[in-house]
Amino acid sequence: MPENGQNPALTRPPILTREEASRRAALLADLQNALAAQGVSSVLARRHRLVLQGGRTRSEPSGPTDPQLHIFTPDGTDIATTHGSAYHFASGDAHPADDPARAARHAAGRTASDA
């Protein structure tokens, strides 16, 4: 068991349908474009859980999981995800997904103003 005491099987992100994973990636791409307009670099990472089948044990399914947008500013990095209605940042912030420009302005200025 990891040092944090959490069982890795319980903390894995759920498998999404391909359509849902694509929808979330498209929303993150909107945020990525808004960040680029602010001069902020970011990388959209699609994620896929691969479970190898073997023996007679029943395994969890393989499939796409929550995509992430890795954001790089001169003052640090952050990771954004979305479930559709809001962008959620690893730093703890959340912003409505219907306004990616506002979320980008906040992400671009947050670390510089908080430092």
PDB file of N, CA and C in Angstrom:
ATOM      1  N   MET A   1       0.848  -1.171   0.000  1.00  0.00           N
ATOM      2  CA  MET A   1       0.000   0.000   0.000  1.00  0.00           C
ATOM      3  C   MET A   1       0.897   1.238   0.000  1.00  0.00           C
ATOM      4  N   PRO A   2       0.542   2.309  -0.759  1.00  0.00           N
ATOM      5  CA  PRO A   2       1.374   3.508  -0.807  1.00  0.00           C
ATOM      6  C   PRO A   2       1.476   4.192   0.548  1.00  0.00           C
ATOM      7  N   GLU A   3       2.456   5.083   0.657  1.00  0.00           N
ATOM      8  CA  GLU A   3       2.670   5.803   1.902  1.00  0.00           C
ATOM      9  C   GLU A   3       1.466   6.626   2.322  1.00  0.00           C
ATOM     10  N   ASN A   4       0.660   7.106   1.354  1.00  0.00           N
ATOM     11  CA  ASN A   4      -0.489   7.933   1.713  1.00  0.00           C
ATOM     12  C   ASN A   4      -1.625   7.097   2.305  1.00  0.00           C
ATOM     13  N   GLY A   5      -1.463   5.764   2.329  1.00  0.00           N
ATOM     14  CA  GLY A   5      -2.454   4.907   2.952  1.00  0.00           C
ATOM     15  C   GLY A   5      -3.672   4.622   2.097  1.00  0.00           C
ATOM     16  N   GLN A   6      -3.686   5.105   0.859  1.00  0.00           N
ATOM     17  CA  GLN A   6      -4.823   4.878  -0.009  1.00  0.00           C
ATOM     18  C   GLN A   6      -4.570   3.668  -0.889  1.00  0.00           C
ATOM     19  N   ASN A   7      -5.594   2.880  -1.088  1.00  0.00           N
ATOM     20  CA  ASN A   7      -5.517   1.730  -1.965  1.00  0.00           C
ATOM     21  C   ASN A   7      -5.558   2.230  -3.401  1.00  0.00           C
ATOM     22  N   PRO A   8      -4.528   1.962  -4.243  1.00  0.00           N
ATOM     23  CA  PRO A   8      -4.505   2.471  -5.615  1.00  0.00           C
ATOM     24  C   PRO A   8      -5.725   2.051  -6.426  1.00  0.00           C
ATOM     25  N   ALA A   9      -6.274   0.870  -6.163  1.00  0.00           N
ATOM     26  CA  ALA A   9      -7.439   0.418  -6.917  1.00  0.00           C
ATOM     27  C   ALA A   9      -8.645   1.309  -6.645  1.00  0.00           C
ATOM     28  N   LEU A  10      -8.706   1.938  -5.484  1.00  0.00           N
ATOM     29  CA  LEU A  10      -9.837   2.783  -5.138  1.00  0.00           C
ATOM     30  C   LEU A  10      -9.671   4.218  -5.620  1.00  0.00           C
ATOM     31  N   THR A  11      -8.454   4.626  -5.958  1.00  0.00           N
ATOM     32  CA  THR A  11      -8.217   6.012  -6.353  1.00  0.00           C
ATOM     33  C   THR A  11      -8.067   6.181  -7.858  1.00  0.00           C
ATOM     34  N   ARG A  12      -8.192   5.126  -8.625  1.00  0.00           N
ATOM     35  CA  ARG A  12      -8.072   5.212 -10.076  1.00  0.00           C
ATOM     36  C   ARG A  12      -9.265   5.961 -10.654  1.00  0.00           C
ATOM     37  N   PRO A  13      -9.015   6.796 -11.661  1.00  0.00           N
ATOM     38  CA  PRO A  13     -10.147   7.472 -12.300  1.00  0.00           C
ATOM     39  C   PRO A  13     -11.010   6.481 -13.054  1.00  0.00           C
ATOM     40  N   PRO A  14     -12.292   6.755 -13.158  1.00  0.00           N
ATOM     41  CA  PRO A  14     -13.177   5.804 -13.837  1.00  0.00           C
ATOM     42  C   PRO A  14     -12.918   5.755 -15.339  1.00  0.00           C
ATOM     43  N   ILE A  15     -13.279   4.644 -15.936  1.00  0.00           N
ATOM     44  CA  ILE A  15     -13.223   4.498 -17.388  1.00  0.00           C
ATOM     45  C   ILE A  15     -14.386   5.299 -17.977  1.00  0.00           C
ATOM     46  N   LEU A  16     -14.108   6.061 -19.008  1.00  0.00           N
ATOM     47  CA  LEU A  16     -15.129   6.857 -19.689  1.00  0.00           C
ATOM     48  C   LEU A  16     -15.461   6.223 -21.033  1.00  0.00           C
ATOM     49  N   THR A  17     -16.628   6.543 -21.562  1.00  0.00           N
ATOM     50  CA  THR A  17     -16.908   6.148 -22.940  1.00  0.00           C
ATOM     51  C   THR A  17     -16.004   6.994 -23.835  1.00  0.00           C
ATOM     52  N   ARG A  18     -15.767   6.523 -25.035  1.00  0.00           N
ATOM     53  CA  ARG A  18     -14.931   7.304 -25.963  1.00  0.00           C
ATOM     54  C   ARG A  18     -15.562   8.658 -26.245  1.00  0.00           C
ATOM     55  N   GLU A  19     -16.891   8.686 -26.350  1.00  0.00           N
ATOM     56  CA  GLU A  19     -17.588   9.941 -26.622  1.00  0.00           C
ATOM     57  C   GLU A  19     -17.393  10.939 -25.481  1.00  0.00           C
ATOM     58  N   GLU A  20     -17.514  10.463 -24.239  1.00  0.00           N
ATOM     59  CA  GLU A  20     -17.347  11.344 -23.084  1.00  0.00           C
ATOM     60  C   GLU A  20     -15.906  11.830 -22.979  1.00  0.00           C
ATOM     61  N   ALA A  21     -14.946  10.949 -23.203  1.00  0.00           N
ATOM     62  CA  ALA A  21     -13.542  11.360 -23.164  1.00  0.00           C
ATOM     63  C   ALA A  21     -13.265  12.402 -24.243  1.00  0.00           C
ATOM     64  N   SER A  22     -13.830  12.220 -25.427  1.00  0.00           N
ATOM     65  CA  SER A  22     -13.641  13.189 -26.517  1.00  0.00           C
ATOM     66  C   SER A  22     -14.309  14.526 -26.193  1.00  0.00           C
ATOM     67  N   ARG A  23     -15.484  14.477 -25.575  1.00  0.00           N
ATOM     68  CA  ARG A  23     -16.179  15.721 -25.192  1.00  0.00           C
ATOM     69  C   ARG A  23     -15.354  16.507 -24.177  1.00  0.00           C
ATOM     70  N   ARG A  24     -14.810  15.811 -23.191  1.00  0.00           N
ATOM     71  CA  ARG A  24     -13.981  16.489 -22.183  1.00  0.00           C
ATOM     72  C   ARG A  24     -12.699  17.029 -22.805  1.00  0.00           C
ATOM     73  N   ALA A  25     -12.095  16.271 -23.711  1.00  0.00           N
ATOM     74  CA  ALA A  25     -10.878  16.737 -24.383  1.00  0.00           C
ATOM     75  C   ALA A  25     -11.171  17.977 -25.223  1.00  0.00           C
ATOM     76  N   ALA A  26     -12.335  18.027 -25.862  1.00  0.00           N
ATOM     77  CA  ALA A  26     -12.704  19.201 -26.663  1.00  0.00           C
ATOM     78  C   ALA A  26     -12.858  20.435 -25.772  1.00  0.00           C
ATOM     79  N   LEU A  27     -13.447  20.280 -24.602  1.00  0.00           N
ATOM     80  CA  LEU A  27     -13.565  21.410 -23.671  1.00  0.00           C
ATOM     81  C   LEU A  27     -12.185  21.871 -23.199  1.00  0.00           C
ATOM     82  N   LEU A  28     -11.303  20.909 -22.927  1.00  0.00           N
ATOM     83  CA  LEU A  28      -9.944  21.278 -22.512  1.00  0.00           C
ATOM     84  C   LEU A  28      -9.181  21.927 -23.670  1.00  0.00           C
ATOM     85  N   ALA A  29      -9.460  21.531 -24.911  1.00  0.00           N
ATOM     86  CA  ALA A  29      -8.835  22.171 -26.073  1.00  0.00           C
ATOM     87  C   ALA A  29      -9.277  23.632 -26.177  1.00  0.00           C
ATOM     88  N   ASP A  30     -10.536  23.922 -25.823  1.00  0.00           N
ATOM     89  CA  ASP A  30     -10.995  25.315 -25.789  1.00  0.00           C
ATOM     90  C   ASP A  30     -10.195  26.115 -24.772  1.00  0.00           C
ATOM     91  N   LEU A  31      -9.955  25.529 -23.612  1.00  0.00           N
ATOM     92  CA  LEU A  31      -9.142  26.198 -22.591  1.00  0.00           C
ATOM     93  C   LEU A  31      -7.710  26.346 -23.076  1.00  0.00           C
ATOM     94  N   GLN A  32      -7.189  25.331 -23.742  1.00  0.00           N
ATOM     95  CA  GLN A  32      -5.827  25.391 -24.271  1.00  0.00           C
ATOM     96  C   GLN A  32      -5.683  26.537 -25.266  1.00  0.00           C
ATOM     97  N   ASN A  33      -6.659  26.719 -26.148  1.00  0.00           N
ATOM     98  CA  ASN A  33      -6.620  27.827 -27.114  1.00  0.00           C
ATOM     99  C   ASN A  33      -6.680  29.170 -26.409  1.00  0.00           C
ATOM    100  N   ALA A  34      -7.503  29.268 -25.377  1.00  0.00           N
ATOM    101  CA  ALA A  34      -7.593  30.516 -24.615  1.00  0.00           C
ATOM    102  C   ALA A  34      -6.283  30.796 -23.886  1.00  0.00           C
ATOM    103  N   LEU A  35      -5.646  29.762 -23.367  1.00  0.00           N
ATOM    104  CA  LEU A  35      -4.343  29.945 -22.713  1.00  0.00           C
ATOM    105  C   LEU A  35      -3.290  30.396 -23.719  1.00  0.00           C
ATOM    106  N   ALA A  36      -3.298  29.813 -24.917  1.00  0.00           N
ATOM    107  CA  ALA A  36      -2.343  30.207 -25.954  1.00  0.00           C
ATOM    108  C   ALA A  36      -2.509  31.681 -26.301  1.00  0.00           C
ATOM    109  N   ALA A  37      -3.743  32.169 -26.314  1.00  0.00           N
ATOM    110  CA  ALA A  37      -3.993  33.589 -26.575  1.00  0.00           C
ATOM    111  C   ALA A  37      -3.410  34.469 -25.477  1.00  0.00           C
ATOM    112  N   GLN A  38      -3.224  33.901 -24.281  1.00  0.00           N
ATOM    113  CA  GLN A  38      -2.613  34.631 -23.156  1.00  0.00           C
ATOM    114  C   GLN A  38      -1.090  34.437 -23.132  1.00  0.00           C
ATOM    115  N   GLY A  39      -0.570  33.658 -24.093  1.00  0.00           N
ATOM    116  CA  GLY A  39       0.865  33.391 -24.139  1.00  0.00           C
ATOM    117  C   GLY A  39       1.312  32.286 -23.192  1.00  0.00           C
ATOM    118  N   VAL A  40       0.375  31.443 -22.763  1.00  0.00           N
ATOM    119  CA  VAL A  40       0.684  30.369 -21.818  1.00  0.00           C
ATOM    120  C   VAL A  40       0.739  29.043 -22.572  1.00  0.00           C
ATOM    121  N   SER A  41       1.800  28.285 -22.351  1.00  0.00           N
ATOM    122  CA  SER A  41       1.958  26.970 -22.979  1.00  0.00           C
ATOM    123  C   SER A  41       1.199  25.915 -22.185  1.00  0.00           C
ATOM    124  N   SER A  42       0.663  24.945 -22.913  1.00  0.00           N
ATOM    125  CA  SER A  42      -0.029  23.836 -22.261  1.00  0.00           C
ATOM    126  C   SER A  42      -0.005  22.622 -23.184  1.00  0.00           C
ATOM    127  N   VAL A  43      -0.219  21.455 -22.595  1.00  0.00           N
ATOM    128  CA  VAL A  43      -0.239  20.203 -23.340  1.00  0.00           C
ATOM    129  C   VAL A  43      -1.469  19.417 -22.914  1.00  0.00           C
ATOM    130  N   LEU A  44      -2.266  19.011 -23.901  1.00  0.00           N
ATOM    131  CA  LEU A  44      -3.442  18.203 -23.636  1.00  0.00           C
ATOM    132  C   LEU A  44      -3.053  16.732 -23.664  1.00  0.00           C
ATOM    133  N   ALA A  45      -3.297  16.051 -22.572  1.00  0.00           N
ATOM    134  CA  ALA A  45      -2.932  14.636 -22.459  1.00  0.00           C
ATOM    135  C   ALA A  45      -4.187  13.790 -22.341  1.00  0.00           C
ATOM    136  N   ARG A  46      -4.408  12.970 -23.366  1.00  0.00           N
ATOM    137  CA  ARG A  46      -5.470  11.969 -23.257  1.00  0.00           C
ATOM    138  C   ARG A  46      -4.883  10.815 -22.468  1.00  0.00           C
ATOM    139  N   ARG A  47      -5.684  10.221 -21.643  1.00  0.00           N
ATOM    140  CA  ARG A  47      -5.190   9.135 -20.800  1.00  0.00           C
ATOM    141  C   ARG A  47      -6.004   7.884 -21.057  1.00  0.00           C
ATOM    142  N   HIS A  48      -5.347   6.742 -20.977  1.00  0.00           N
ATOM    143  CA  HIS A  48      -5.990   5.458 -21.249  1.00  0.00           C
ATOM    144  C   HIS A  48      -5.465   4.441 -20.246  1.00  0.00           C
ATOM    145  N   ARG A  49      -6.360   3.774 -19.566  1.00  0.00           N
ATOM    146  CA  ARG A  49      -5.944   2.728 -18.640  1.00  0.00           C
ATOM    147  C   ARG A  49      -5.910   1.409 -19.398  1.00  0.00           C
ATOM    148  N   LEU A  50      -4.788   0.731 -19.323  1.00  0.00           N
ATOM    149  CA  LEU A  50      -4.621  -0.562 -19.964  1.00  0.00           C
ATOM    150  C   LEU A  50      -4.488  -1.613 -18.876  1.00  0.00           C
ATOM    151  N   VAL A  51      -5.408  -2.540 -18.867  1.00  0.00           N
ATOM    152  CA  VAL A  51      -5.374  -3.628 -17.900  1.00  0.00           C
ATOM    153  C   VAL A  51      -5.075  -4.906 -18.660  1.00  0.00           C
ATOM    154  N   LEU A  52      -4.008  -5.559 -18.287  1.00  0.00           N
ATOM    155  CA  LEU A  52      -3.624  -6.803 -18.941  1.00  0.00           C
ATOM    156  C   LEU A  52      -4.437  -7.950 -18.355  1.00  0.00           C
ATOM    157  N   GLN A  53      -4.987  -8.754 -19.220  1.00  0.00           N
ATOM    158  CA  GLN A  53      -5.786  -9.900 -18.804  1.00  0.00           C
ATOM    159  C   GLN A  53      -4.863 -11.095 -18.638  1.00  0.00           C
ATOM    160  N   GLY A  54      -5.119 -11.895 -17.633  1.00  0.00           N
ATOM    161  CA  GLY A  54      -4.307 -13.078 -17.453  1.00  0.00           C
ATOM    162  C   GLY A  54      -4.942 -14.047 -16.490  1.00  0.00           C
ATOM    163  N   GLY A  55      -4.752 -15.283 -16.749  1.00  0.00           N
ATOM    164  CA  GLY A  55      -5.256 -16.309 -15.843  1.00  0.00           C
ATOM    165  C   GLY A  55      -6.768 -16.306 -15.739  1.00  0.00           C
ATOM    166  N   ARG A  56      -7.224 -16.686 -14.591  1.00  0.00           N
ATOM    167  CA  ARG A  56      -8.670 -16.778 -14.367  1.00  0.00           C
ATOM    168  C   ARG A  56      -9.194 -15.634 -13.523  1.00  0.00           C
ATOM    169  N   THR A  57      -8.335 -14.687 -13.203  1.00  0.00           N
ATOM    170  CA  THR A  57      -8.776 -13.571 -12.378  1.00  0.00           C
ATOM    171  C   THR A  57      -9.587 -12.590 -13.214  1.00  0.00           C
ATOM    172  N   ARG A  58     -10.564 -12.024 -12.593  1.00  0.00           N
ATOM    173  CA  ARG A  58     -11.390 -11.024 -13.260  1.00  0.00           C
ATOM    174  C   ARG A  58     -10.719  -9.662 -13.073  1.00  0.00           C
ATOM    175  N   SER A  59     -10.471  -8.975 -14.173  1.00  0.00           N
ATOM    176  CA  SER A  59      -9.754  -7.705 -14.138  1.00  0.00           C
ATOM    177  C   SER A  59     -10.691  -6.548 -14.425  1.00  0.00           C
ATOM    178  N   GLU A  60     -10.239  -5.368 -14.012  1.00  0.00           N
ATOM    179  CA  GLU A  60     -10.969  -4.148 -14.344  1.00  0.00           C
ATOM    180  C   GLU A  60     -10.893  -3.929 -15.853  1.00  0.00           C
ATOM    181  N   PRO A  61     -11.825  -3.152 -16.404  1.00  0.00           N
ATOM    182  CA  PRO A  61     -11.793  -2.900 -17.848  1.00  0.00           C
ATOM    183  C   PRO A  61     -10.693  -1.905 -18.235  1.00  0.00           C
ATOM    184  N   SER A  62     -10.262  -1.991 -19.468  1.00  0.00           N
ATOM    185  CA  SER A  62      -9.367  -0.997 -20.050  1.00  0.00           C
ATOM    186  C   SER A  62     -10.226   0.058 -20.732  1.00  0.00           C
ATOM    187  N   GLY A  63      -9.674   1.243 -20.923  1.00  0.00           N
ATOM    188  CA  GLY A  63     -10.404   2.275 -21.646  1.00  0.00           C
ATOM    189  C   GLY A  63      -9.913   3.664 -21.326  1.00  0.00           C
ATOM    190  N   PRO A  64     -10.502   4.675 -21.986  1.00  0.00           N
ATOM    191  CA  PRO A  64     -10.073   6.054 -21.761  1.00  0.00           C
ATOM    192  C   PRO A  64     -10.484   6.546 -20.379  1.00  0.00           C
ATOM    193  N   THR A  65      -9.630   7.353 -19.787  1.00  0.00           N
ATOM    194  CA  THR A  65      -9.939   7.996 -18.514  1.00  0.00           C
ATOM    195  C   THR A  65      -9.920   9.507 -18.734  1.00  0.00           C
ATOM    196  N   ASP A  66     -10.055  10.243 -17.661  1.00  0.00           N
ATOM    197  CA  ASP A  66     -10.175  11.690 -17.732  1.00  0.00           C
ATOM    198  C   ASP A  66      -8.951  12.349 -18.391  1.00  0.00           C
ATOM    199  N   PRO A  67      -9.145  13.087 -19.493  1.00  0.00           N
ATOM    200  CA  PRO A  67      -8.008  13.810 -20.075  1.00  0.00           C
ATOM    201  C   PRO A  67      -7.576  14.950 -19.153  1.00  0.00           C
ATOM    202  N   GLN A  68      -6.338  15.371 -19.283  1.00  0.00           N
ATOM    203  CA  GLN A  68      -5.785  16.453 -18.468  1.00  0.00           C
ATOM    204  C   GLN A  68      -5.103  17.482 -19.354  1.00  0.00           C
ATOM    205  N   LEU A  69      -5.196  18.741 -18.947  1.00  0.00           N
ATOM    206  CA  LEU A  69      -4.463  19.811 -19.607  1.00  0.00           C
ATOM    207  C   LEU A  69      -3.370  20.261 -18.649  1.00  0.00           C
ATOM    208  N   HIS A  70      -2.110  20.031 -19.036  1.00  0.00           N
ATOM    209  CA  HIS A  70      -0.963  20.443 -18.221  1.00  0.00           C
ATOM    210  C   HIS A  70      -0.588  21.863 -18.641  1.00  0.00           C
ATOM    211  N   ILE A  71      -0.608  22.775 -17.690  1.00  0.00           N
ATOM    212  CA  ILE A  71      -0.414  24.208 -17.946  1.00  0.00           C
ATOM    213  C   ILE A  71       0.940  24.631 -17.385  1.00  0.00           C
ATOM    214  N   PHE A  72       1.729  25.316 -18.225  1.00  0.00           N
ATOM    215  CA  PHE A  72       3.084  25.722 -17.843  1.00  0.00           C
ATOM    216  C   PHE A  72       3.188  27.241 -17.864  1.00  0.00           C
ATOM    217  N   THR A  73       3.437  27.818 -16.703  1.00  0.00           N
ATOM    218  CA  THR A  73       3.655  29.263 -16.613  1.00  0.00           C
ATOM    219  C   THR A  73       5.071  29.487 -16.083  1.00  0.00           C
ATOM    220  N   PRO A  74       5.587  30.701 -16.201  1.00  0.00           N
ATOM    221  CA  PRO A  74       6.928  30.966 -15.663  1.00  0.00           C
ATOM    222  C   PRO A  74       7.025  30.703 -14.160  1.00  0.00           C
ATOM    223  N   ASP A  75       5.884  30.764 -13.473  1.00  0.00           N
ATOM    224  CA  ASP A  75       5.890  30.607 -12.021  1.00  0.00           C
ATOM    225  C   ASP A  75       5.516  29.213 -11.541  1.00  0.00           C
ATOM    226  N   GLY A  76       5.217  28.302 -12.450  1.00  0.00           N
ATOM    227  CA  GLY A  76       4.872  26.955 -12.019  1.00  0.00           C
ATOM    228  C   GLY A  76       3.964  26.256 -13.004  1.00  0.00           C
ATOM    229  N   THR A  77       3.474  25.111 -12.587  1.00  0.00           N
ATOM    230  CA  THR A  77       2.598  24.313 -13.433  1.00  0.00           C
ATOM    231  C   THR A  77       1.289  24.043 -12.707  1.00  0.00           C
ATOM    232  N   ASP A  78       0.278  23.691 -13.479  1.00  0.00           N
ATOM    233  CA  ASP A  78      -1.016  23.308 -12.930  1.00  0.00           C
ATOM    234  C   ASP A  78      -1.609  22.286 -13.886  1.00  0.00           C
ATOM    235  N   ILE A  79      -2.609  21.583 -13.448  1.00  0.00           N
ATOM    236  CA  ILE A  79      -3.305  20.605 -14.276  1.00  0.00           C
ATOM    237  C   ILE A  79      -4.789  20.904 -14.210  1.00  0.00           C
ATOM    238  N   ALA A  80      -5.425  20.960 -15.377  1.00  0.00           N
ATOM    239  CA  ALA A  80      -6.864  21.197 -15.449  1.00  0.00           C
ATOM    240  C   ALA A  80      -7.565  19.951 -15.973  1.00  0.00           C
ATOM    241  N   THR A  81      -8.734  19.680 -15.408  1.00  0.00           N
ATOM    242  CA  THR A  81      -9.622  18.633 -15.895  1.00  0.00           C
ATOM    243  C   THR A  81     -11.015  19.243 -15.992  1.00  0.00           C
ATOM    244  N   THR A  82     -11.936  18.528 -16.585  1.00  0.00           N
ATOM    245  CA  THR A  82     -13.324  18.986 -16.625  1.00  0.00           C
ATOM    246  C   THR A  82     -14.255  17.788 -16.646  1.00  0.00           C
ATOM    247  N   HIS A  83     -15.426  17.990 -16.079  1.00  0.00           N
ATOM    248  CA  HIS A  83     -16.498  17.004 -16.170  1.00  0.00           C
ATOM    249  C   HIS A  83     -17.620  17.556 -17.029  1.00  0.00           C
ATOM    250  N   GLY A  84     -17.398  18.740 -17.597  1.00  0.00           N
ATOM    251  CA  GLY A  84     -18.371  19.309 -18.515  1.00  0.00           C
ATOM    252  C   GLY A  84     -18.892  20.663 -18.112  1.00  0.00           C
ATOM    253  N   SER A  85     -19.170  20.882 -16.852  1.00  0.00           N
ATOM    254  CA  SER A  85     -19.744  22.161 -16.443  1.00  0.00           C
ATOM    255  C   SER A  85     -18.697  23.145 -15.935  1.00  0.00           C
ATOM    256  N   ALA A  86     -17.547  22.652 -15.522  1.00  0.00           N
ATOM    257  CA  ALA A  86     -16.506  23.528 -14.974  1.00  0.00           C
ATOM    258  C   ALA A  86     -15.128  22.948 -15.266  1.00  0.00           C
ATOM    259  N   TYR A  87     -14.148  23.857 -15.303  1.00  0.00           N
ATOM    260  CA  TYR A  87     -12.744  23.451 -15.344  1.00  0.00           C
ATOM    261  C   TYR A  87     -12.280  23.350 -13.900  1.00  0.00           C
ATOM    262  N   HIS A  88     -11.650  22.235 -13.556  1.00  0.00           N
ATOM    263  CA  HIS A  88     -11.135  22.028 -12.210  1.00  0.00           C
ATOM    264  C   HIS A  88      -9.620  21.994 -12.283  1.00  0.00           C
ATOM    265  N   PHE A  89      -8.982  22.819 -11.470  1.00  0.00           N
ATOM    266  CA  PHE A  89      -7.529  22.925 -11.459  1.00  0.00           C
ATOM    267  C   PHE A  89      -6.968  22.201 -10.237  1.00  0.00           C
ATOM    268  N   ALA A  90      -5.810  21.579 -10.408  1.00  0.00           N
ATOM    269  CA  ALA A  90      -5.159  20.883  -9.301  1.00  0.00           C
ATOM    270  C   ALA A  90      -4.860  21.829  -8.148  1.00  0.00           C
ATOM    271  N   SER A  91      -4.716  23.109  -8.448  1.00  0.00           N
ATOM    272  CA  SER A  91      -4.452  24.107  -7.411  1.00  0.00           C
ATOM    273  C   SER A  91      -5.674  24.345  -6.526  1.00  0.00           C
ATOM    274  N   GLY A  92      -6.827  23.786  -6.906  1.00  0.00           N
ATOM    275  CA  GLY A  92      -8.028  23.922  -6.093  1.00  0.00           C
ATOM    276  C   GLY A  92      -9.076  24.852  -6.677  1.00  0.00           C
ATOM    277  N   ASP A  93      -8.718  25.609  -7.696  1.00  0.00           N
ATOM    278  CA  ASP A  93      -9.660  26.532  -8.313  1.00  0.00           C
ATOM    279  C   ASP A  93     -10.594  25.799  -9.266  1.00  0.00           C
ATOM    280  N   ALA A  94     -11.761  26.400  -9.504  1.00  0.00           N
ATOM    281  CA  ALA A  94     -12.698  25.895 -10.502  1.00  0.00           C
ATOM    282  C   ALA A  94     -13.344  27.090 -11.185  1.00  0.00           C
ATOM    283  N   HIS A  95     -13.586  26.958 -12.492  1.00  0.00           N
ATOM    284  CA  HIS A  95     -14.201  28.034 -13.286  1.00  0.00           C
ATOM    285  C   HIS A  95     -15.180  27.427 -14.274  1.00  0.00           C
ATOM    286  N   PRO A  96     -16.274  28.134 -14.570  1.00  0.00           N
ATOM    287  CA  PRO A  96     -17.266  27.593 -15.502  1.00  0.00           C
ATOM    288  C   PRO A  96     -16.652  27.253 -16.857  1.00  0.00           C
ATOM    289  N   ALA A  97     -17.036  26.105 -17.400  1.00  0.00           N
ATOM    290  CA  ALA A  97     -16.504  25.654 -18.686  1.00  0.00           C
ATOM    291  C   ALA A  97     -17.074  26.439 -19.855  1.00  0.00           C
ATOM    292  N   ASP A  98     -18.152  27.190 -19.613  1.00  0.00           N
ATOM    293  CA  ASP A  98     -18.718  27.969 -20.714  1.00  0.00           C
ATOM    294  C   ASP A  98     -17.968  29.279 -20.940  1.00  0.00           C
ATOM    295  N   ASP A  99     -16.909  29.549 -20.159  1.00  0.00           N
ATOM    296  CA  ASP A  99     -16.099  30.755 -20.341  1.00  0.00           C
ATOM    297  C   ASP A  99     -14.608  30.403 -20.237  1.00  0.00           C
ATOM    298  N   PRO A 100     -14.070  29.706 -21.256  1.00  0.00           N
ATOM    299  CA  PRO A 100     -12.657  29.309 -21.180  1.00  0.00           C
ATOM    300  C   PRO A 100     -11.704  30.499 -21.139  1.00  0.00           C
ATOM    301  N   ALA A 101     -12.077  31.627 -21.744  1.00  0.00           N
ATOM    302  CA  ALA A 101     -11.197  32.802 -21.726  1.00  0.00           C
ATOM    303  C   ALA A 101     -11.014  33.310 -20.295  1.00  0.00           C
ATOM    304  N   ARG A 102     -12.084  33.329 -19.529  1.00  0.00           N
ATOM    305  CA  ARG A 102     -11.988  33.772 -18.127  1.00  0.00           C
ATOM    306  C   ARG A 102     -11.128  32.814 -17.318  1.00  0.00           C
ATOM    307  N   ALA A 103     -11.341  31.507 -17.510  1.00  0.00           N
ATOM    308  CA  ALA A 103     -10.541  30.517 -16.799  1.00  0.00           C
ATOM    309  C   ALA A 103      -9.065  30.648 -17.180  1.00  0.00           C
ATOM    310  N   ALA A 104      -8.797  30.922 -18.455  1.00  0.00           N
ATOM    311  CA  ALA A 104      -7.415  31.083 -18.921  1.00  0.00           C
ATOM    312  C   ALA A 104      -6.767  32.317 -18.308  1.00  0.00           C
ATOM    313  N   ARG A 105      -7.513  33.411 -18.253  1.00  0.00           N
ATOM    314  CA  ARG A 105      -6.960  34.630 -17.630  1.00  0.00           C
ATOM    315  C   ARG A 105      -6.606  34.370 -16.177  1.00  0.00           C
ATOM    316  N   HIS A 106      -7.454  33.656 -15.495  1.00  0.00           N
ATOM    317  CA  HIS A 106      -7.177  33.352 -14.091  1.00  0.00           C
ATOM    318  C   HIS A 106      -5.959  32.435 -13.964  1.00  0.00           C
ATOM    319  N   ALA A 107      -5.904  31.387 -14.786  1.00  0.00           N
ATOM    320  CA  ALA A 107      -4.778  30.446 -14.728  1.00  0.00           C
ATOM    321  C   ALA A 107      -3.469  31.137 -15.088  1.00  0.00           C
ATOM    322  N   ALA A 108      -3.506  32.042 -16.057  1.00  0.00           N
ATOM    323  CA  ALA A 108      -2.292  32.744 -16.500  1.00  0.00           C
ATOM    324  C   ALA A 108      -1.803  33.724 -15.444  1.00  0.00           C
ATOM    325  N   GLY A 109      -2.703  34.310 -14.695  1.00  0.00           N
ATOM    326  CA  GLY A 109      -2.316  35.326 -13.729  1.00  0.00           C
ATOM    327  C   GLY A 109      -2.239  34.868 -12.301  1.00  0.00           C
ATOM    328  N   ARG A 110      -2.776  33.709 -12.004  1.00  0.00           N
ATOM    329  CA  ARG A 110      -2.870  33.242 -10.632  1.00  0.00           C
ATOM    330  C   ARG A 110      -1.522  33.101  -9.964  1.00  0.00           C
ATOM    331  N   THR A 111      -0.601  32.369 -10.589  1.00  0.00           N
ATOM    332  CA  THR A 111       0.669  32.110  -9.918  1.00  0.00           C
ATOM    333  C   THR A 111       1.508  33.383  -9.810  1.00  0.00           C
ATOM    334  N   ALA A 112       1.436  34.237 -10.815  1.00  0.00           N
ATOM    335  CA  ALA A 112       2.211  35.479 -10.757  1.00  0.00           C
ATOM    336  C   ALA A 112       1.686  36.401  -9.663  1.00  0.00           C
ATOM    337  N   SER A 113       0.374  36.473  -9.493  1.00  0.00           N
ATOM    338  CA  SER A 113      -0.177  37.372  -8.493  1.00  0.00           C
ATOM    339  C   SER A 113      -0.113  36.792  -7.092  1.00  0.00           C
ATOM    340  N   ASP A 114      -0.046  35.442  -6.981  1.00  0.00           N
ATOM    341  CA  ASP A 114      -0.008  34.812  -5.679  1.00  0.00           C
ATOM    342  C   ASP A 114       1.406  34.624  -5.138  1.00  0.00           C
ATOM    343  N   ALA A 115       2.406  34.815  -6.005  1.00  0.00           N
ATOM    344  CA  ALA A 115       3.790  34.560  -5.581  1.00  0.00           C
ATOM    345  C   ALA A 115       4.270  35.583  -4.590  1.00  0.00           C
TER     346      ALA A 115
END
